[in-house]
Amino acid sequence: MAKPITTIQKRQMTEEEKRTEALAKLKAAVGDSEEAVRELLEFIEQLHESGLLEAANALLKAREDVAKIVVGQLNQKPVTTMINHAFAIAGLAASLDPEKTAKLLEHIAAGALEAYEQNSAETKKIGLFDLLKALNDPDINRAIRFFLSALKAIGKRFRNDG
């Protein structure tokens, strides 16, 4: 009678067998994605011809030195101040009503363009009486009221801060 199996030996693959299996899997993957592989090789060739591949390799080799330089530059006071300003502006922009902001910017842009065209055509000097007469114009009066309201609101906030 046969002797019972008491241990199972797992077959160990040699390094050569592992390489052969990996190569077969790679060939199958390349065959499945032939067009993508061709595009990738074309892309790499273009990077090489333009010198960008060499630059990227040099950058990767010197990554520690580059990282030290970048961190050193980012730690400078003007850069940190600029980053803080960018975050403050982003916070302000996030708090504004997009529809009202868009409408206000549209009015300012259109008004500025119209004023530029009128100013180009007009060469007459504006006197004090011209300014007083302009106050009777409903459009000018509306704009002045807007800016005076804005100045008043800004002043209130200054008072509350101080």
C-alpha atoms as a PDB file:
ATOM      1  CA  MET A   1       0.000   0.000   0.000  1.00  0.00           C
ATOM      2  CA  ALA A   2       1.131   3.526  -0.710  1.00  0.00           C
ATOM      3  CA  LYS A   3       2.569   5.678   1.972  1.00  0.00           C
ATOM      4  CA  PRO A   4       0.298   8.602   3.009  1.00  0.00           C
ATOM      5  CA  ILE A   5       1.356  12.191   2.129  1.00  0.00           C
ATOM      6  CA  THR A   6       2.217  14.049   5.296  1.00  0.00           C
ATOM      7  CA  THR A   7       3.766  17.188   3.869  1.00  0.00           C
ATOM      8  CA  ILE A   8       3.085  19.230   0.786  1.00  0.00           C
ATOM      9  CA  GLN A   9       6.059  20.781  -0.844  1.00  0.00           C
ATOM     10  CA  LYS A  10       5.407  24.031  -2.636  1.00  0.00           C
ATOM     11  CA  ARG A  11       7.279  24.237  -5.869  1.00  0.00           C
ATOM     12  CA  GLN A  12       9.760  27.113  -5.818  1.00  0.00           C
ATOM     13  CA  MET A  13      10.201  28.953  -9.094  1.00  0.00           C
ATOM     14  CA  THR A  14      13.709  29.766 -10.152  1.00  0.00           C
ATOM     15  CA  GLU A  15      14.688  33.333 -10.991  1.00  0.00           C
ATOM     16  CA  GLU A  16      14.767  32.407 -14.659  1.00  0.00           C
ATOM     17  CA  GLU A  17      11.213  31.010 -14.487  1.00  0.00           C
ATOM     18  CA  LYS A  18      10.027  34.161 -12.686  1.00  0.00           C
ATOM     19  CA  ARG A  19      11.551  36.332 -15.414  1.00  0.00           C
ATOM     20  CA  THR A  20      10.014  34.222 -18.150  1.00  0.00           C
ATOM     21  CA  GLU A  21       6.571  34.439 -16.531  1.00  0.00           C
ATOM     22  CA  ALA A  22       6.889  38.203 -16.001  1.00  0.00           C
ATOM     23  CA  LEU A  23       7.966  38.654 -19.631  1.00  0.00           C
ATOM     24  CA  ALA A  24       4.988  36.599 -20.843  1.00  0.00           C
ATOM     25  CA  LYS A  25       2.603  38.740 -18.767  1.00  0.00           C
ATOM     26  CA  LEU A  26       4.225  41.903 -20.111  1.00  0.00           C
ATOM     27  CA  LYS A  27       3.922  40.684 -23.704  1.00  0.00           C
ATOM     28  CA  ALA A  28       0.244  39.911 -23.140  1.00  0.00           C
ATOM     29  CA  ALA A  29      -0.367  43.368 -21.622  1.00  0.00           C
ATOM     30  CA  VAL A  30       1.447  45.095 -24.503  1.00  0.00           C
ATOM     31  CA  GLY A  31      -0.577  43.056 -26.993  1.00  0.00           C
ATOM     32  CA  ASP A  32      -3.812  44.083 -25.272  1.00  0.00           C
ATOM     33  CA  SER A  33      -2.847  47.785 -25.261  1.00  0.00           C
ATOM     34  CA  GLU A  34      -0.833  48.050 -28.456  1.00  0.00           C
ATOM     35  CA  GLU A  35      -2.161  51.482 -29.508  1.00  0.00           C
ATOM     36  CA  ALA A  36      -1.623  52.988 -26.061  1.00  0.00           C
ATOM     37  CA  VAL A  37       1.937  51.642 -25.925  1.00  0.00           C
ATOM     38  CA  ARG A  38       2.691  53.110 -29.354  1.00  0.00           C
ATOM     39  CA  GLU A  39       1.358  56.520 -28.260  1.00  0.00           C
ATOM     40  CA  LEU A  40       3.420  56.331 -25.075  1.00  0.00           C
ATOM     41  CA  LEU A  41       6.579  55.537 -27.034  1.00  0.00           C
ATOM     42  CA  GLU A  42       5.828  58.394 -29.437  1.00  0.00           C
ATOM     43  CA  PHE A  43       5.352  60.739 -26.478  1.00  0.00           C
ATOM     44  CA  ILE A  44       8.644  59.652 -24.918  1.00  0.00           C
ATOM     45  CA  GLU A  45      10.413  60.140 -28.263  1.00  0.00           C
ATOM     46  CA  GLN A  46       9.056  63.695 -28.518  1.00  0.00           C
ATOM     47  CA  LEU A  47      10.200  64.432 -24.966  1.00  0.00           C
ATOM     48  CA  HIS A  48      13.639  63.099 -25.854  1.00  0.00           C
ATOM     49  CA  GLU A  49      13.889  65.126 -29.074  1.00  0.00           C
ATOM     50  CA  SER A  50      12.879  68.340 -27.314  1.00  0.00           C
ATOM     51  CA  GLY A  51      15.379  67.799 -24.491  1.00  0.00           C
ATOM     52  CA  LEU A  52      12.637  67.700 -21.849  1.00  0.00           C
ATOM     53  CA  LEU A  53      13.308  64.054 -21.026  1.00  0.00           C
ATOM     54  CA  GLU A  54      16.942  64.822 -20.245  1.00  0.00           C
ATOM     55  CA  ALA A  55      15.908  67.835 -18.161  1.00  0.00           C
ATOM     56  CA  ALA A  56      13.375  65.752 -16.239  1.00  0.00           C
ATOM     57  CA  ASN A  57      15.999  63.080 -15.573  1.00  0.00           C
ATOM     58  CA  ALA A  58      18.459  65.686 -14.327  1.00  0.00           C
ATOM     59  CA  LEU A  59      15.757  67.184 -12.121  1.00  0.00           C
ATOM     60  CA  LEU A  60      14.963  63.781 -10.627  1.00  0.00           C
ATOM     61  CA  LYS A  61      18.629  63.066  -9.957  1.00  0.00           C
ATOM     62  CA  ALA A  62      19.031  66.410  -8.206  1.00  0.00           C
ATOM     63  CA  ARG A  63      15.650  66.260  -6.432  1.00  0.00           C
ATOM     64  CA  GLU A  64      17.072  66.708  -2.936  1.00  0.00           C
ATOM     65  CA  ASP A  65      19.000  69.828  -3.916  1.00  0.00           C
ATOM     66  CA  VAL A  66      16.011  71.156  -5.852  1.00  0.00           C
ATOM     67  CA  ALA A  67      13.700  70.503  -2.890  1.00  0.00           C
ATOM     68  CA  LYS A  68      16.064  72.434  -0.579  1.00  0.00           C
ATOM     69  CA  ILE A  69      16.079  75.388  -2.986  1.00  0.00           C
ATOM     70  CA  VAL A  70      12.285  75.350  -3.388  1.00  0.00           C
ATOM     71  CA  VAL A  71      11.699  75.147   0.367  1.00  0.00           C
ATOM     72  CA  GLY A  72      14.244  77.926   0.912  1.00  0.00           C
ATOM     73  CA  GLN A  73      12.448  80.142  -1.583  1.00  0.00           C
ATOM     74  CA  LEU A  74       9.021  79.348  -0.138  1.00  0.00           C
ATOM     75  CA  ASN A  75      10.208  80.292   3.356  1.00  0.00           C
ATOM     76  CA  GLN A  76      11.147  83.825   2.325  1.00  0.00           C
ATOM     77  CA  LYS A  77       8.954  86.557   3.784  1.00  0.00           C
ATOM     78  CA  PRO A  78       7.685  87.992   0.439  1.00  0.00           C
ATOM     79  CA  VAL A  79       6.582  84.536  -0.740  1.00  0.00           C
ATOM     80  CA  THR A  80       4.763  83.660   2.484  1.00  0.00           C
ATOM     81  CA  THR A  81       3.123  87.094   2.440  1.00  0.00           C
ATOM     82  CA  MET A  82       1.985  86.545  -1.140  1.00  0.00           C
ATOM     83  CA  ILE A  83       0.573  83.108  -0.250  1.00  0.00           C
ATOM     84  CA  ASN A  84      -1.295  84.602   2.709  1.00  0.00           C
ATOM     85  CA  HIS A  85      -2.731  87.310   0.439  1.00  0.00           C
ATOM     86  CA  ALA A  86      -3.816  84.686  -2.090  1.00  0.00           C
ATOM     87  CA  PHE A  87      -5.661  82.751   0.625  1.00  0.00           C
ATOM     88  CA  ALA A  88      -7.279  85.950   1.924  1.00  0.00           C
ATOM     89  CA  ILE A  89      -8.452  86.897  -1.581  1.00  0.00           C
ATOM     90  CA  ALA A  90      -9.746  83.355  -2.152  1.00  0.00           C
ATOM     91  CA  GLY A  91     -11.656  83.545   1.131  1.00  0.00           C
ATOM     92  CA  LEU A  92     -13.116  86.903   0.163  1.00  0.00           C
ATOM     93  CA  ALA A  93     -14.114  85.633  -3.276  1.00  0.00           C
ATOM     94  CA  ALA A  94     -15.770  82.582  -1.702  1.00  0.00           C
ATOM     95  CA  SER A  95     -17.862  84.812   0.570  1.00  0.00           C
ATOM     96  CA  LEU A  96     -19.240  86.981  -2.265  1.00  0.00           C
ATOM     97  CA  ASP A  97     -22.505  86.315  -4.066  1.00  0.00           C
ATOM     98  CA  PRO A  98     -21.372  85.276  -7.575  1.00  0.00           C
ATOM     99  CA  GLU A  99     -24.412  86.747  -9.339  1.00  0.00           C
ATOM    100  CA  LYS A 100     -24.064  90.169  -7.683  1.00  0.00           C
ATOM    101  CA  THR A 101     -20.297  90.181  -8.225  1.00  0.00           C
ATOM    102  CA  ALA A 102     -20.678  89.292 -11.893  1.00  0.00           C
ATOM    103  CA  LYS A 103     -23.304  92.000 -12.370  1.00  0.00           C
ATOM    104  CA  LEU A 104     -21.142  94.614 -10.608  1.00  0.00           C
ATOM    105  CA  LEU A 105     -18.046  93.683 -12.638  1.00  0.00           C
ATOM    106  CA  GLU A 106     -20.080  93.745 -15.843  1.00  0.00           C
ATOM    107  CA  HIS A 107     -21.343  97.271 -15.059  1.00  0.00           C
ATOM    108  CA  ILE A 108     -17.851  98.492 -14.151  1.00  0.00           C
ATOM    109  CA  ALA A 109     -16.289  97.032 -17.311  1.00  0.00           C
ATOM    110  CA  ALA A 110     -18.989  98.370 -19.618  1.00  0.00           C
ATOM    111  CA  GLY A 111     -18.883 101.783 -17.925  1.00  0.00           C
ATOM    112  CA  ALA A 112     -15.106 101.953 -18.159  1.00  0.00           C
ATOM    113  CA  LEU A 113     -15.162 101.115 -21.871  1.00  0.00           C
ATOM    114  CA  GLU A 114     -17.863 103.685 -22.555  1.00  0.00           C
ATOM    115  CA  ALA A 115     -15.978 106.304 -20.535  1.00  0.00           C
ATOM    116  CA  TYR A 116     -12.784 105.522 -22.437  1.00  0.00           C
ATOM    117  CA  GLU A 117     -14.538 106.067 -25.761  1.00  0.00           C
ATOM    118  CA  GLN A 118     -16.172 109.321 -24.596  1.00  0.00           C
ATOM    119  CA  ASN A 119     -12.922 110.579 -23.069  1.00  0.00           C
ATOM    120  CA  SER A 120     -11.049 109.907 -26.320  1.00  0.00           C
ATOM    121  CA  ALA A 121     -13.500 112.060 -28.283  1.00  0.00           C
ATOM    122  CA  GLU A 122     -13.845 114.898 -25.719  1.00  0.00           C
ATOM    123  CA  THR A 123     -11.003 117.348 -25.151  1.00  0.00           C
ATOM    124  CA  LYS A 124     -12.908 120.111 -23.335  1.00  0.00           C
ATOM    125  CA  LYS A 125     -11.630 120.956 -19.860  1.00  0.00           C
ATOM    126  CA  ILE A 126     -14.108 120.271 -17.027  1.00  0.00           C
ATOM    127  CA  GLY A 127     -14.707 123.168 -14.674  1.00  0.00           C
ATOM    128  CA  LEU A 128     -16.325 123.479 -11.271  1.00  0.00           C
ATOM    129  CA  PHE A 129     -19.707 124.426 -12.757  1.00  0.00           C
ATOM    130  CA  ASP A 130     -19.528 121.392 -15.070  1.00  0.00           C
ATOM    131  CA  LEU A 131     -19.090 119.203 -11.983  1.00  0.00           C
ATOM    132  CA  LEU A 132     -22.050 120.811 -10.220  1.00  0.00           C
ATOM    133  CA  LYS A 133     -24.184 120.464 -13.358  1.00  0.00           C
ATOM    134  CA  ALA A 134     -23.181 116.787 -13.624  1.00  0.00           C
ATOM    135  CA  LEU A 135     -24.688 116.145 -10.195  1.00  0.00           C
ATOM    136  CA  ASN A 136     -28.128 116.695 -11.763  1.00  0.00           C
ATOM    137  CA  ASP A 137     -27.562 113.819 -14.205  1.00  0.00           C
ATOM    138  CA  PRO A 138     -29.477 110.816 -12.765  1.00  0.00           C
ATOM    139  CA  ASP A 139     -26.845 108.302 -13.960  1.00  0.00           C
ATOM    140  CA  ILE A 140     -23.972 110.228 -12.376  1.00  0.00           C
ATOM    141  CA  ASN A 141     -26.032 110.744  -9.229  1.00  0.00           C
ATOM    142  CA  ARG A 142     -26.713 106.984  -9.033  1.00  0.00           C
ATOM    143  CA  ALA A 143     -22.988 106.171  -9.369  1.00  0.00           C
ATOM    144  CA  ILE A 144     -22.014 108.794  -6.782  1.00  0.00           C
ATOM    145  CA  ARG A 145     -24.647 107.418  -4.394  1.00  0.00           C
ATOM    146  CA  PHE A 146     -23.212 103.907  -4.912  1.00  0.00           C
ATOM    147  CA  PHE A 147     -19.637 105.025  -4.156  1.00  0.00           C
ATOM    148  CA  LEU A 148     -20.742 107.126  -1.164  1.00  0.00           C
ATOM    149  CA  SER A 149     -22.647 104.119   0.221  1.00  0.00           C
ATOM    150  CA  ALA A 150     -19.577 101.934  -0.291  1.00  0.00           C
ATOM    151  CA  LEU A 151     -17.355 104.501   1.468  1.00  0.00           C
ATOM    152  CA  LYS A 152     -19.831 104.719   4.373  1.00  0.00           C
ATOM    153  CA  ALA A 153     -19.917 100.913   4.769  1.00  0.00           C
ATOM    154  CA  ILE A 154     -16.102 100.743   4.669  1.00  0.00           C
ATOM    155  CA  GLY A 155     -15.885 103.527   7.244  1.00  0.00           C
ATOM    156  CA  LYS A 156     -18.274 101.662   9.577  1.00  0.00           C
ATOM    157  CA  ARG A 157     -16.089  98.596   9.408  1.00  0.00           C
ATOM    158  CA  PHE A 158     -12.978 100.658  10.143  1.00  0.00           C
ATOM    159  CA  ARG A 159     -14.717 102.119  13.178  1.00  0.00           C
ATOM    160  CA  ASN A 160     -15.726  98.646  14.408  1.00  0.00           C
ATOM    161  CA  ASP A 161     -12.139  97.356  13.994  1.00  0.00           C
ATOM    162  CA  GLY A 162     -10.573 100.246  15.868  1.00  0.00           C
END
